[in-house]
N, C-alpha and C. Protein backbone atom coordinates (compact mmCIF):
# COMPACT_ATOMS: atom_id res chain seq x y z
N MET A 1 0.73 -1.46 -0.08
CA MET A 1 0.04 0.24 0.07
C MET A 1 1.00 1.08 -0.01
N THR A 2 0.64 2.16 -0.89
CA THR A 2 1.24 3.53 -1.03
C THR A 2 0.90 4.34 0.40
N GLN A 3 1.81 4.89 0.97
CA GLN A 3 2.11 5.31 2.30
C GLN A 3 1.66 7.14 1.76
N VAL A 4 0.96 7.79 2.44
CA VAL A 4 0.76 8.83 2.44
C VAL A 4 1.98 9.91 3.03
N ARG A 5 2.58 10.82 2.40
CA ARG A 5 3.62 11.39 2.80
C ARG A 5 3.08 12.77 3.66
N TRP A 6 2.84 13.00 4.50
CA TRP A 6 2.04 14.26 5.11
C TRP A 6 3.08 15.38 5.53
N ASP A 7 2.82 16.41 4.89
CA ASP A 7 3.22 17.83 4.83
C ASP A 7 3.15 18.18 6.20
N HIS A 8 3.90 17.94 7.50
CA HIS A 8 3.45 18.47 8.85
C HIS A 8 3.81 19.98 8.95
N ASP A 9 4.96 20.48 8.02
CA ASP A 9 5.28 21.75 8.31
C ASP A 9 4.67 22.75 7.29
N ARG A 10 3.63 22.44 6.74
CA ARG A 10 3.05 23.29 5.52
C ARG A 10 2.43 24.55 6.25
N GLU A 11 1.75 24.38 7.50
CA GLU A 11 1.20 25.64 8.09
C GLU A 11 2.38 26.41 8.64
N SER A 12 3.44 25.78 9.18
CA SER A 12 4.48 26.92 9.61
C SER A 12 5.08 27.60 8.42
N ARG A 13 5.03 27.03 7.23
CA ARG A 13 5.57 27.71 6.06
C ARG A 13 4.56 28.95 5.42
N THR A 14 3.64 28.41 5.40
CA THR A 14 2.44 28.97 4.38
C THR A 14 1.21 29.61 5.16
N GLY A 15 0.91 28.84 6.23
CA GLY A 15 -0.24 29.47 7.25
C GLY A 15 -1.34 28.68 7.02
N VAL A 16 -1.39 27.78 6.11
CA VAL A 16 -2.70 26.99 5.69
C VAL A 16 -2.06 25.40 5.67
N PRO A 17 -2.74 24.59 6.56
CA PRO A 17 -2.09 23.14 6.73
C PRO A 17 -2.66 22.35 5.43
N GLU A 18 -1.98 21.48 5.60
CA GLU A 18 -2.11 20.67 4.12
C GLU A 18 -3.83 19.91 4.66
N VAL A 19 -4.29 19.93 3.49
CA VAL A 19 -5.52 19.43 3.27
C VAL A 19 -5.89 18.21 2.27
N ILE A 20 -6.41 17.30 2.53
CA ILE A 20 -6.45 16.30 1.73
C ILE A 20 -7.53 16.68 0.54
N TYR A 21 -7.10 16.28 -0.90
CA TYR A 21 -8.02 16.55 -2.05
C TYR A 21 -8.60 14.64 -2.25
N GLY A 22 -9.85 14.79 -2.16
CA GLY A 22 -10.60 13.47 -2.09
C GLY A 22 -10.35 12.64 -3.33
N PRO A 23 -10.82 13.13 -4.56
CA PRO A 23 -10.46 12.39 -5.72
C PRO A 23 -9.16 11.81 -5.90
N GLY A 24 -9.39 10.30 -6.00
CA GLY A 24 -8.26 9.59 -6.27
C GLY A 24 -7.57 8.90 -4.84
N LYS A 25 -7.95 9.44 -3.98
CA LYS A 25 -7.55 8.61 -2.61
C LYS A 25 -8.38 7.52 -2.18
N THR A 26 -7.68 6.50 -1.81
CA THR A 26 -8.60 5.06 -1.44
C THR A 26 -8.62 5.23 -0.12
N ALA A 27 -9.66 4.30 0.50
CA ALA A 27 -9.92 4.40 1.91
C ALA A 27 -8.78 4.25 2.63
N ALA A 28 -7.78 3.14 2.21
CA ALA A 28 -6.60 3.16 2.97
C ALA A 28 -5.57 4.65 3.22
N HIS A 29 -5.76 5.21 2.11
CA HIS A 29 -4.97 6.85 2.21
C HIS A 29 -5.71 7.37 3.18
N LEU A 30 -7.17 7.78 3.20
CA LEU A 30 -7.73 8.28 4.02
C LEU A 30 -7.65 8.07 5.45
N ARG A 31 -7.74 6.70 5.64
CA ARG A 31 -7.49 6.40 7.60
C ARG A 31 -6.09 6.71 7.70
N GLN A 32 -4.95 6.59 6.94
CA GLN A 32 -3.97 6.80 7.12
C GLN A 32 -3.69 8.10 7.57
N VAL A 33 -4.25 8.96 7.26
CA VAL A 33 -4.39 10.68 7.65
C VAL A 33 -5.02 10.98 8.60
N PHE A 34 -6.27 10.12 8.98
CA PHE A 34 -7.06 10.78 10.03
C PHE A 34 -7.45 9.94 11.00
N GLU A 35 -6.51 8.81 11.35
CA GLU A 35 -6.64 7.91 12.27
C GLU A 35 -5.48 8.24 13.47
N ASN A 36 -5.69 8.25 14.55
CA ASN A 36 -4.80 8.27 15.59
C ASN A 36 -3.91 9.58 15.65
N THR A 37 -4.57 10.81 15.55
CA THR A 37 -4.06 11.85 15.77
C THR A 37 -4.82 13.04 16.47
N THR A 38 -4.29 13.94 17.00
CA THR A 38 -4.77 14.93 17.73
C THR A 38 -4.34 16.43 16.84
N GLU A 39 -4.09 16.09 15.91
CA GLU A 39 -3.71 17.59 15.06
C GLU A 39 -5.07 17.46 14.12
N LEU A 40 -5.01 18.91 13.59
CA LEU A 40 -6.17 19.38 12.62
C LEU A 40 -5.84 18.62 11.26
N ARG A 41 -7.29 17.67 10.74
CA ARG A 41 -7.28 16.78 9.65
C ARG A 41 -8.38 17.67 9.17
N MET A 42 -8.12 17.81 7.54
CA MET A 42 -9.37 18.16 6.81
C MET A 42 -9.28 17.35 5.58
N ALA A 43 -10.58 16.87 4.90
CA ALA A 43 -10.37 16.56 3.49
C ALA A 43 -11.38 17.19 2.58
N SER A 44 -11.43 17.01 1.14
CA SER A 44 -12.08 18.11 0.56
C SER A 44 -12.67 17.32 -0.60
N ARG A 45 -13.82 17.69 -1.24
CA ARG A 45 -14.30 17.15 -2.62
C ARG A 45 -14.59 15.57 -2.52
N LEU A 46 -15.07 15.43 -1.01
CA LEU A 46 -15.11 13.95 -1.24
C LEU A 46 -16.03 13.23 -1.77
N SER A 47 -16.09 11.92 -2.31
CA SER A 47 -17.50 11.33 -2.92
C SER A 47 -18.56 10.85 -1.50
N ALA A 48 -19.27 10.42 -1.88
CA ALA A 48 -20.49 9.78 -0.76
C ALA A 48 -19.91 8.80 -0.10
N GLU A 49 -18.84 7.85 -1.05
CA GLU A 49 -18.42 6.56 -0.41
C GLU A 49 -17.30 7.00 0.47
N GLN A 50 -16.59 8.08 0.30
CA GLN A 50 -15.50 8.34 1.12
C GLN A 50 -15.87 9.23 2.34
N MET A 51 -16.84 9.54 2.18
CA MET A 51 -17.64 10.62 3.14
C MET A 51 -18.22 9.27 4.51
N GLU A 52 -18.51 8.25 3.85
CA GLU A 52 -18.99 7.27 4.82
C GLU A 52 -17.89 6.47 5.37
N ILE A 53 -16.44 6.47 4.65
CA ILE A 53 -15.54 5.75 5.42
C ILE A 53 -15.17 6.63 6.34
N LEU A 54 -14.96 8.09 6.34
CA LEU A 54 -14.39 8.92 7.44
C LEU A 54 -15.49 9.00 8.38
N ARG A 55 -16.48 8.81 8.60
CA ARG A 55 -17.82 9.11 9.48
C ARG A 55 -17.49 8.66 10.76
N ASP A 56 -16.69 7.66 10.87
CA ASP A 56 -16.45 7.21 12.47
C ASP A 56 -15.14 8.24 12.99
N LEU A 57 -14.64 8.69 11.82
CA LEU A 57 -13.03 9.77 12.34
C LEU A 57 -13.22 10.81 12.27
N ALA A 58 -14.23 11.62 11.94
CA ALA A 58 -14.29 12.88 11.70
C ALA A 58 -15.66 13.22 11.59
N THR A 59 -15.98 14.83 11.66
CA THR A 59 -17.19 15.32 11.33
C THR A 59 -17.51 15.39 9.97
N VAL A 60 -18.18 15.08 9.34
CA VAL A 60 -18.74 15.05 7.93
C VAL A 60 -19.85 15.90 7.43
N TYR A 61 -19.32 16.77 6.47
CA TYR A 61 -20.13 17.72 5.99
C TYR A 61 -20.79 17.46 4.53
N PRO A 62 -21.73 16.64 4.37
CA PRO A 62 -22.08 16.08 3.32
C PRO A 62 -22.44 17.78 2.18
N GLU A 63 -22.96 18.42 2.29
CA GLU A 63 -23.32 19.47 1.31
C GLU A 63 -21.94 20.16 0.84
N ALA A 64 -20.79 20.40 1.89
CA ALA A 64 -19.85 20.96 1.60
C ALA A 64 -18.57 19.89 1.07
N ARG A 65 -19.19 18.59 0.92
CA ARG A 65 -18.12 17.52 0.71
C ARG A 65 -16.91 17.72 1.77
N MET A 66 -17.07 17.55 2.87
CA MET A 66 -15.79 17.89 3.49
C MET A 66 -16.03 16.97 4.62
N ALA A 67 -14.41 16.77 5.42
CA ALA A 67 -14.67 16.11 6.51
C ALA A 67 -13.49 16.65 7.58
N VAL A 68 -13.64 16.81 8.83
CA VAL A 68 -12.94 17.95 9.51
C VAL A 68 -12.63 16.85 10.80
N ARG A 69 -11.30 16.97 11.20
CA ARG A 69 -10.91 16.17 12.46
C ARG A 69 -10.33 17.43 13.38
N ASN A 70 -10.66 17.26 14.87
CA ASN A 70 -9.87 18.25 15.62
C ASN A 70 -9.82 19.54 15.10
N PRO A 71 -11.12 20.25 14.80
CA PRO A 71 -11.33 21.65 14.58
C PRO A 71 -10.33 22.36 15.52
N ARG A 72 -9.92 23.90 14.99
CA ARG A 72 -9.35 24.53 16.12
C ARG A 72 -10.34 25.34 16.93
N PRO A 73 -10.01 25.82 18.18
CA PRO A 73 -11.09 26.61 18.82
C PRO A 73 -11.37 27.81 18.29
N LYS A 74 -12.27 28.40 18.20
CA LYS A 74 -12.99 29.76 17.90
C LYS A 74 -12.06 31.04 18.53
N ARG A 75 -11.82 31.77 17.49
CA ARG A 75 -10.93 32.94 17.54
C ARG A 75 -11.59 34.15 18.11
N GLU A 76 -11.18 35.08 18.82
CA GLU A 76 -11.62 36.14 18.67
C GLU A 76 -11.46 37.29 17.73
N MET A 77 -12.25 37.36 16.70
CA MET A 77 -12.37 38.40 15.77
C MET A 77 -13.29 38.37 14.71
N PRO A 78 -13.48 39.49 14.14
CA PRO A 78 -14.91 39.52 13.25
C PRO A 78 -15.01 38.69 12.29
N VAL A 79 -16.36 38.29 12.26
CA VAL A 79 -16.71 37.06 11.24
C VAL A 79 -16.48 37.42 10.11
N VAL A 80 -15.81 36.36 9.14
CA VAL A 80 -16.00 36.34 7.75
C VAL A 80 -17.06 36.17 6.97
N PRO A 81 -17.98 37.05 6.01
CA PRO A 81 -18.97 36.92 5.50
C PRO A 81 -18.87 35.95 4.46
N VAL A 82 -19.55 34.93 4.37
CA VAL A 82 -19.55 34.08 3.47
C VAL A 82 -20.71 34.23 2.59
N ILE A 83 -20.83 34.87 1.26
CA ILE A 83 -22.30 35.35 0.76
C ILE A 83 -22.50 34.58 -0.81
N THR A 84 -23.56 33.91 -1.09
CA THR A 84 -23.72 33.42 -2.40
C THR A 84 -24.70 34.26 -3.13
N ALA A 85 -24.53 34.37 -4.30
CA ALA A 85 -25.81 35.20 -5.03
C ALA A 85 -27.13 34.08 -5.36
N GLY A 86 -26.86 33.00 -5.14
CA GLY A 86 -28.21 31.99 -5.53
C GLY A 86 -27.91 30.67 -4.65
N THR A 87 -29.09 30.04 -4.61
CA THR A 87 -29.14 28.65 -3.90
C THR A 87 -28.12 27.63 -4.08
N ALA A 88 -27.92 27.52 -5.54
CA ALA A 88 -27.14 26.74 -6.40
C ALA A 88 -25.78 26.93 -6.01
N ASP A 89 -25.22 28.18 -5.46
CA ASP A 89 -24.08 28.56 -5.12
C ASP A 89 -23.76 27.98 -3.89
N ILE A 90 -24.72 27.46 -2.98
CA ILE A 90 -24.29 27.05 -1.47
C ILE A 90 -23.33 26.17 -1.32
N PRO A 91 -23.54 25.07 -2.11
CA PRO A 91 -22.10 23.88 -1.98
C PRO A 91 -20.75 24.65 -1.97
N VAL A 92 -20.36 25.70 -2.97
CA VAL A 92 -18.81 26.07 -2.77
C VAL A 92 -18.69 27.05 -1.94
N ALA A 93 -19.89 27.74 -1.41
CA ALA A 93 -19.90 28.25 -0.18
C ALA A 93 -19.59 27.66 1.13
N LEU A 94 -20.16 26.84 1.09
CA LEU A 94 -20.05 25.89 2.35
C LEU A 94 -18.42 25.31 2.44
N GLU A 95 -17.96 24.79 1.33
CA GLU A 95 -16.78 24.45 1.38
C GLU A 95 -15.70 25.58 2.07
N ALA A 96 -15.76 26.69 1.50
CA ALA A 96 -15.24 27.79 2.15
C ALA A 96 -15.26 27.95 3.90
N SER A 97 -16.68 28.13 4.08
CA SER A 97 -16.91 28.49 5.19
C SER A 97 -16.56 27.40 6.28
N THR A 98 -16.64 26.09 5.61
CA THR A 98 -16.24 24.83 6.59
C THR A 98 -14.71 24.81 6.82
N THR A 99 -14.08 25.44 5.76
CA THR A 99 -12.81 25.35 5.79
C THR A 99 -12.25 26.39 6.80
N LEU A 100 -12.91 27.54 6.94
CA LEU A 100 -12.45 28.69 7.75
C LEU A 100 -12.72 28.53 9.33
N ASP A 101 -14.05 27.56 9.13
CA ASP A 101 -14.50 27.20 10.56
C ASP A 101 -13.61 26.43 11.41
N ALA A 102 -12.69 25.40 10.66
CA ALA A 102 -12.32 24.22 11.03
C ALA A 102 -10.78 25.09 11.68
N MET A 103 -10.33 26.02 11.14
CA MET A 103 -9.54 26.96 11.08
C MET A 103 -9.56 27.85 12.47
N GLY A 104 -10.87 27.62 13.06
CA GLY A 104 -11.08 28.51 14.10
C GLY A 104 -11.36 30.03 13.97
N VAL A 105 -11.69 30.21 12.56
CA VAL A 105 -12.22 31.62 12.07
C VAL A 105 -13.82 31.62 11.99
N PRO A 106 -14.42 32.27 12.65
CA PRO A 106 -15.82 32.59 13.00
C PRO A 106 -16.32 33.04 11.34
N THR A 107 -17.31 32.60 10.90
CA THR A 107 -17.90 32.79 9.45
C THR A 107 -19.55 33.04 9.69
N ALA A 108 -19.94 33.89 9.24
CA ALA A 108 -21.50 34.12 8.95
C ALA A 108 -21.88 33.86 7.63
N THR A 109 -22.82 33.25 7.23
CA THR A 109 -23.34 32.86 5.79
C THR A 109 -24.48 33.50 5.59
N HIS A 110 -24.77 33.99 4.06
CA HIS A 110 -25.82 34.76 3.71
C HIS A 110 -25.99 34.05 2.33
N PHE A 111 -27.28 33.51 2.24
CA PHE A 111 -27.44 32.87 0.97
C PHE A 111 -28.52 33.67 0.15
N ASP A 112 -28.42 33.33 -1.28
CA ASP A 112 -29.40 33.87 -2.11
C ASP A 112 -29.74 35.32 -1.59
N VAL A 113 -28.64 36.40 -2.05
CA VAL A 113 -28.81 37.55 -2.29
C VAL A 113 -28.30 38.24 -3.38
N GLY A 114 -28.55 37.26 -4.45
CA GLY A 114 -27.94 38.04 -5.86
C GLY A 114 -28.68 39.14 -6.41
N VAL A 115 -28.00 39.85 -7.38
CA VAL A 115 -28.62 41.04 -8.23
C VAL A 115 -29.89 40.78 -8.87
N ALA A 116 -30.33 39.80 -8.82
CA ALA A 116 -31.80 39.53 -9.35
C ALA A 116 -32.95 40.13 -8.15
N GLY A 117 -32.24 40.08 -7.06
CA GLY A 117 -33.36 40.76 -5.94
C GLY A 117 -32.27 41.47 -5.10
N ILE A 118 -31.71 42.71 -5.53
CA ILE A 118 -30.74 43.34 -4.71
C ILE A 118 -31.09 43.98 -3.81
N HIS A 119 -32.38 43.85 -3.36
CA HIS A 119 -33.04 44.44 -1.81
C HIS A 119 -32.31 43.11 -0.73
N ARG A 120 -32.41 41.98 -1.69
CA ARG A 120 -31.98 40.96 -0.26
C ARG A 120 -30.20 41.49 0.38
N LEU A 121 -29.65 41.98 -0.41
CA LEU A 121 -28.12 42.46 -0.23
C LEU A 121 -28.30 43.38 0.78
N GLN A 122 -29.23 44.52 0.27
CA GLN A 122 -29.34 45.73 1.18
C GLN A 122 -29.51 45.48 2.60
N SER A 123 -30.39 44.37 2.63
CA SER A 123 -30.64 44.14 3.93
C SER A 123 -29.95 43.39 5.02
N ILE A 124 -28.91 43.11 4.38
CA ILE A 124 -27.58 42.30 5.39
C ILE A 124 -26.48 43.11 5.58
N LEU A 125 -26.58 44.31 4.73
CA LEU A 125 -25.08 44.97 4.68
C LEU A 125 -24.90 45.70 6.22
N PRO A 126 -25.41 45.72 7.08
CA PRO A 126 -25.16 46.21 8.43
C PRO A 126 -24.07 45.31 9.04
N GLU A 127 -24.49 43.88 8.70
CA GLU A 127 -24.09 42.88 9.32
C GLU A 127 -22.65 42.76 8.58
N LEU A 128 -22.17 43.33 7.57
CA LEU A 128 -21.28 43.15 6.71
C LEU A 128 -20.01 43.79 7.13
N THR A 129 -20.36 45.11 7.69
CA THR A 129 -19.56 46.59 7.59
C THR A 129 -18.17 46.15 8.73
N ALA A 130 -18.12 45.19 9.33
CA ALA A 130 -17.32 45.06 10.31
C ALA A 130 -16.15 44.06 9.94
N ALA A 131 -16.54 43.61 8.72
CA ALA A 131 -15.66 42.35 8.01
C ALA A 131 -14.42 42.93 7.75
N ARG A 132 -13.39 41.92 7.82
CA ARG A 132 -11.80 42.35 7.49
C ARG A 132 -11.65 41.97 5.97
N VAL A 133 -12.50 40.78 5.67
CA VAL A 133 -12.41 40.10 4.21
C VAL A 133 -13.92 39.34 4.19
N CYS A 134 -14.24 39.28 2.89
CA CYS A 134 -15.78 38.80 2.57
C CYS A 134 -15.58 38.05 1.21
N ILE A 135 -16.21 36.85 1.54
CA ILE A 135 -15.93 36.11 0.36
C ILE A 135 -17.40 35.93 -0.46
N VAL A 136 -17.35 36.22 -1.62
CA VAL A 136 -18.64 36.12 -2.41
C VAL A 136 -18.70 35.23 -3.78
N VAL A 137 -19.90 34.26 -3.30
CA VAL A 137 -19.89 33.37 -4.25
C VAL A 137 -20.86 33.30 -5.31
N ALA A 138 -20.83 33.20 -6.81
CA ALA A 138 -21.66 33.74 -7.60
C ALA A 138 -21.61 32.83 -9.15
N GLY A 139 -22.81 32.55 -9.61
CA GLY A 139 -22.39 31.90 -11.04
C GLY A 139 -23.33 32.67 -11.96
N MET A 140 -23.74 32.14 -12.92
CA MET A 140 -24.62 32.98 -13.93
C MET A 140 -23.65 34.36 -14.65
N ASP A 141 -24.13 35.50 -14.32
CA ASP A 141 -23.28 36.50 -14.83
C ASP A 141 -22.16 37.01 -13.98
N GLY A 142 -22.15 36.38 -12.54
CA GLY A 142 -20.93 36.78 -11.70
C GLY A 142 -20.89 38.03 -11.28
N ALA A 143 -22.14 38.79 -11.29
CA ALA A 143 -21.94 40.13 -11.04
C ALA A 143 -21.75 40.34 -9.50
N LEU A 144 -22.22 39.76 -8.54
CA LEU A 144 -22.42 40.13 -7.26
C LEU A 144 -21.18 40.70 -6.48
N PRO A 145 -19.83 39.87 -6.64
CA PRO A 145 -18.84 40.48 -5.69
C PRO A 145 -18.63 41.77 -6.00
N ALA A 146 -18.63 42.37 -7.66
CA ALA A 146 -18.44 43.77 -7.79
C ALA A 146 -19.46 44.74 -6.99
N VAL A 147 -20.84 44.00 -7.01
CA VAL A 147 -21.58 45.18 -6.16
C VAL A 147 -21.08 45.05 -4.91
N VAL A 148 -20.81 44.07 -4.15
CA VAL A 148 -20.42 43.81 -2.66
C VAL A 148 -19.11 44.93 -2.38
N ALA A 149 -18.44 44.73 -3.54
CA ALA A 149 -16.96 45.47 -3.26
C ALA A 149 -17.26 46.97 -3.28
N GLY A 150 -18.42 47.37 -3.78
CA GLY A 150 -18.37 48.67 -3.88
C GLY A 150 -19.15 49.33 -3.08
N LEU A 151 -19.51 48.36 -2.01
CA LEU A 151 -20.45 48.74 -0.86
C LEU A 151 -19.66 49.10 0.62
N LEU A 152 -18.34 47.98 0.53
CA LEU A 152 -17.58 47.81 1.78
C LEU A 152 -16.14 48.43 1.66
N ARG A 153 -15.59 48.23 2.56
CA ARG A 153 -14.10 48.85 2.87
C ARG A 153 -13.31 47.56 2.47
N ALA A 154 -13.72 46.21 3.18
CA ALA A 154 -12.86 45.17 3.20
C ALA A 154 -12.65 44.57 1.92
N PRO A 155 -11.79 43.82 1.53
CA PRO A 155 -11.34 43.41 0.18
C PRO A 155 -12.35 42.22 0.22
N VAL A 156 -12.69 41.96 -1.04
CA VAL A 156 -13.67 40.90 -1.59
C VAL A 156 -13.03 39.74 -2.17
N ILE A 157 -13.19 38.43 -2.14
CA ILE A 157 -12.63 37.40 -2.74
C ILE A 157 -14.15 36.83 -3.70
N GLY A 158 -13.83 36.95 -4.64
CA GLY A 158 -14.77 36.52 -5.62
C GLY A 158 -14.49 34.88 -5.91
N VAL A 159 -15.71 34.18 -5.81
CA VAL A 159 -15.79 32.75 -6.45
C VAL A 159 -16.75 32.56 -7.27
N PRO A 160 -16.14 32.48 -8.74
CA PRO A 160 -16.92 32.01 -9.77
C PRO A 160 -17.77 30.49 -9.43
N THR A 161 -18.78 30.29 -10.02
CA THR A 161 -19.41 29.01 -9.80
C THR A 161 -19.74 28.50 -11.21
N SER A 162 -19.83 27.19 -11.31
CA SER A 162 -20.10 26.54 -12.78
C SER A 162 -21.50 26.42 -12.87
N VAL A 163 -22.38 27.21 -11.94
CA VAL A 163 -23.73 27.48 -12.17
C VAL A 163 -24.34 28.12 -13.24
N GLY A 164 -25.11 27.82 -14.26
CA GLY A 164 -25.27 28.56 -15.25
C GLY A 164 -25.74 27.49 -16.51
N MET A 165 -26.15 28.33 -17.85
CA MET A 165 -26.40 27.40 -18.64
C MET A 165 -25.76 28.09 -20.12
N GLY A 166 -26.03 27.41 -21.05
CA GLY A 166 -25.33 27.81 -22.58
C GLY A 166 -24.49 28.86 -22.47
N VAL A 167 -24.25 29.88 -22.54
CA VAL A 167 -23.04 31.15 -22.94
C VAL A 167 -22.39 31.18 -21.55
N ALA A 168 -23.11 30.76 -20.51
CA ALA A 168 -22.24 30.55 -19.00
C ALA A 168 -21.15 30.31 -19.16
N GLN A 169 -20.82 28.82 -19.85
CA GLN A 169 -19.77 28.27 -20.24
C GLN A 169 -19.15 27.67 -18.96
N GLY A 170 -20.07 27.10 -18.27
CA GLY A 170 -19.69 26.32 -17.44
C GLY A 170 -18.90 27.14 -16.07
N GLY A 171 -19.03 28.53 -15.88
CA GLY A 171 -18.39 29.61 -15.16
C GLY A 171 -17.53 30.40 -15.68
N VAL A 172 -17.48 30.10 -16.72
CA VAL A 172 -15.96 31.06 -17.60
C VAL A 172 -16.64 32.32 -17.76
N VAL A 173 -17.82 32.66 -17.78
CA VAL A 173 -18.44 33.81 -18.00
C VAL A 173 -18.34 34.62 -16.73
N ALA A 174 -18.87 33.92 -15.79
CA ALA A 174 -18.89 34.33 -14.13
C ALA A 174 -17.26 34.70 -13.70
N LEU A 175 -16.48 34.01 -14.06
CA LEU A 175 -15.16 34.09 -13.83
C LEU A 175 -14.43 35.87 -14.64
N ASN A 176 -14.60 35.49 -15.89
CA ASN A 176 -14.23 36.77 -16.40
C ASN A 176 -15.18 38.39 -15.94
N THR A 177 -16.36 37.99 -15.60
CA THR A 177 -16.85 39.13 -14.68
C THR A 177 -16.25 39.71 -13.95
N MET A 178 -16.00 38.71 -12.79
CA MET A 178 -15.42 39.05 -11.62
C MET A 178 -14.14 39.62 -12.23
N LEU A 179 -13.14 39.08 -12.83
CA LEU A 179 -11.92 39.73 -13.26
C LEU A 179 -12.01 41.29 -13.95
N ALA A 180 -13.06 41.40 -14.39
CA ALA A 180 -13.41 42.55 -14.96
C ALA A 180 -13.94 43.66 -14.13
N SER A 181 -13.95 43.15 -13.14
CA SER A 181 -14.83 44.18 -12.34
C SER A 181 -14.31 45.44 -12.40
N CYS A 182 -15.27 46.61 -12.55
CA CYS A 182 -14.68 48.13 -11.95
C CYS A 182 -14.53 48.39 -10.63
N SER A 183 -14.80 47.47 -9.98
CA SER A 183 -15.03 47.77 -8.46
C SER A 183 -13.53 47.37 -7.72
N PRO A 184 -12.81 48.49 -7.17
CA PRO A 184 -11.49 48.02 -6.86
C PRO A 184 -11.60 47.23 -5.69
N GLY A 185 -10.32 46.35 -5.62
CA GLY A 185 -10.57 45.40 -4.23
C GLY A 185 -11.27 44.35 -4.28
N VAL A 186 -11.36 43.44 -5.57
CA VAL A 186 -11.74 42.31 -5.67
C VAL A 186 -10.78 41.43 -6.22
N ALA A 187 -10.55 40.32 -5.41
CA ALA A 187 -9.27 39.07 -5.65
C ALA A 187 -10.46 37.80 -6.13
N VAL A 188 -10.10 37.19 -7.22
CA VAL A 188 -10.75 35.96 -8.08
C VAL A 188 -10.14 34.95 -7.65
N VAL A 189 -10.89 33.61 -7.36
CA VAL A 189 -10.21 32.43 -7.28
C VAL A 189 -10.80 31.69 -8.40
N ASN A 190 -10.26 30.20 -8.81
CA ASN A 190 -10.85 29.55 -9.78
C ASN A 190 -12.20 29.05 -9.64
N ILE A 191 -12.68 28.90 -10.67
CA ILE A 191 -14.16 28.43 -10.51
C ILE A 191 -14.54 27.14 -9.65
N ASP A 192 -15.54 27.33 -8.88
CA ASP A 192 -15.86 26.33 -7.70
C ASP A 192 -14.86 26.37 -6.52
N ASN A 193 -14.12 27.16 -6.68
CA ASN A 193 -12.65 26.79 -5.44
C ASN A 193 -13.06 27.52 -4.26
N GLY A 194 -14.10 26.93 -3.58
CA GLY A 194 -14.42 27.82 -2.25
C GLY A 194 -13.27 27.43 -1.28
N PHE A 195 -12.51 26.30 -1.59
CA PHE A 195 -11.29 26.16 -0.69
C PHE A 195 -10.17 27.19 -0.72
N GLY A 196 -10.06 27.52 -1.84
CA GLY A 196 -9.05 28.27 -2.49
C GLY A 196 -9.21 29.74 -2.07
N ALA A 197 -10.79 30.02 -1.83
CA ALA A 197 -11.23 31.14 -1.38
C ALA A 197 -10.58 31.20 0.26
N ALA A 198 -11.25 30.36 1.07
CA ALA A 198 -10.86 30.48 2.22
C ALA A 198 -9.47 30.56 2.77
N CYS A 199 -8.50 29.99 1.72
CA CYS A 199 -6.94 29.95 1.98
C CYS A 199 -6.76 31.23 1.91
N LEU A 200 -7.12 32.31 1.05
CA LEU A 200 -6.84 33.58 0.48
C LEU A 200 -7.21 34.36 1.73
N ALA A 201 -8.50 33.99 2.30
CA ALA A 201 -9.06 34.74 3.37
C ALA A 201 -8.19 34.65 4.48
N LEU A 202 -7.47 33.48 4.69
CA LEU A 202 -6.60 33.44 5.91
C LEU A 202 -5.41 33.88 5.58
N LYS A 203 -5.06 34.27 4.68
CA LYS A 203 -3.48 34.95 4.52
C LYS A 203 -3.81 36.37 4.76
N ILE A 204 -4.78 36.77 4.32
CA ILE A 204 -5.21 38.25 4.24
C ILE A 204 -5.52 38.50 6.00
N LEU A 205 -5.93 37.67 6.58
CA LEU A 205 -6.20 37.95 8.30
C LEU A 205 -5.05 38.06 8.71
N GLY A 206 -4.25 37.01 8.22
CA GLY A 206 -2.85 36.92 8.79
C GLY A 206 -3.18 36.05 10.30
N THR A 207 -3.92 35.17 10.05
CA THR A 207 -4.38 34.13 11.40
C THR A 207 -3.07 33.74 12.05
N GLU A 208 -2.80 33.73 13.12
CA GLU A 208 -1.65 33.37 13.95
C GLU A 208 -1.37 31.52 13.85
N ARG A 209 0.00 31.57 13.78
CA ARG A 209 0.46 30.01 13.83
C ARG A 209 -0.35 29.36 14.97
N PRO A 210 -0.69 28.08 15.02
CA PRO A 210 -1.21 27.29 16.24
C PRO A 210 0.36 27.19 17.02
N ASP A 211 0.18 26.89 18.36
CA ASP A 211 0.69 26.82 19.58
C ASP A 211 1.64 25.82 19.39
C-alpha cells in the first residue's frame, strides 16, 4: 500500500495546513491521515463513499463534501461573511465556510442575495460592515462580488461557480466578469474553488500560527 507523505510543516511555512483532496484517494489513504491524530485534519471534494469511510473518524459535512477532525477553537475576531448569489452556489460557499470554521475563524453565511433581487443584499449590509474580508460566491453573470466591493471597505474574494447554462460556459463568464470588475479590491479564485477562497482569506487575515 502506498504511504501518504503528510506535510507536517506546511502550516508553519504558508499559514495553511495540508488538506486532503478527495478524488483519487483510497479508503486506506484517508484512514492513514485521519486515524490516531490530535492534529487538525481536513479533506475536501469527497465522494459519498469517502464520506462514509470517514464518518467514524471525523465530522462529515455532506453539502460541503468535506470532513474535519480536531477543529481549532474559535478565535476572537470579526466574522468572515460568506455570501452567495443563489441557492445553487451554496455547496461552494460551504466549502469555504467549513474550511475557515475548522481553522477557528468565525464565519457568517448569507445565501441567495444575488443581483436579481438586490434588496436582499441591502437588508444584510449592516452585518457586513465590520468584516476584514468577505467571500462572495456567484455563478450565472457573476456580478455580485463587484456590487459588494462597491459597498464595503473590506477586500472581496470572488468565487465564480459553474452554475449557469449555455453561454455561461460552466462558470467562465462569471470568472471573466469578476476579473473585469470595475470595483477595486476584488480578488478572484478559480471556478468552484471555495477552498482556495478560504485559504486566501486566511492569508489576508494573517491568522496566527498554532502553538
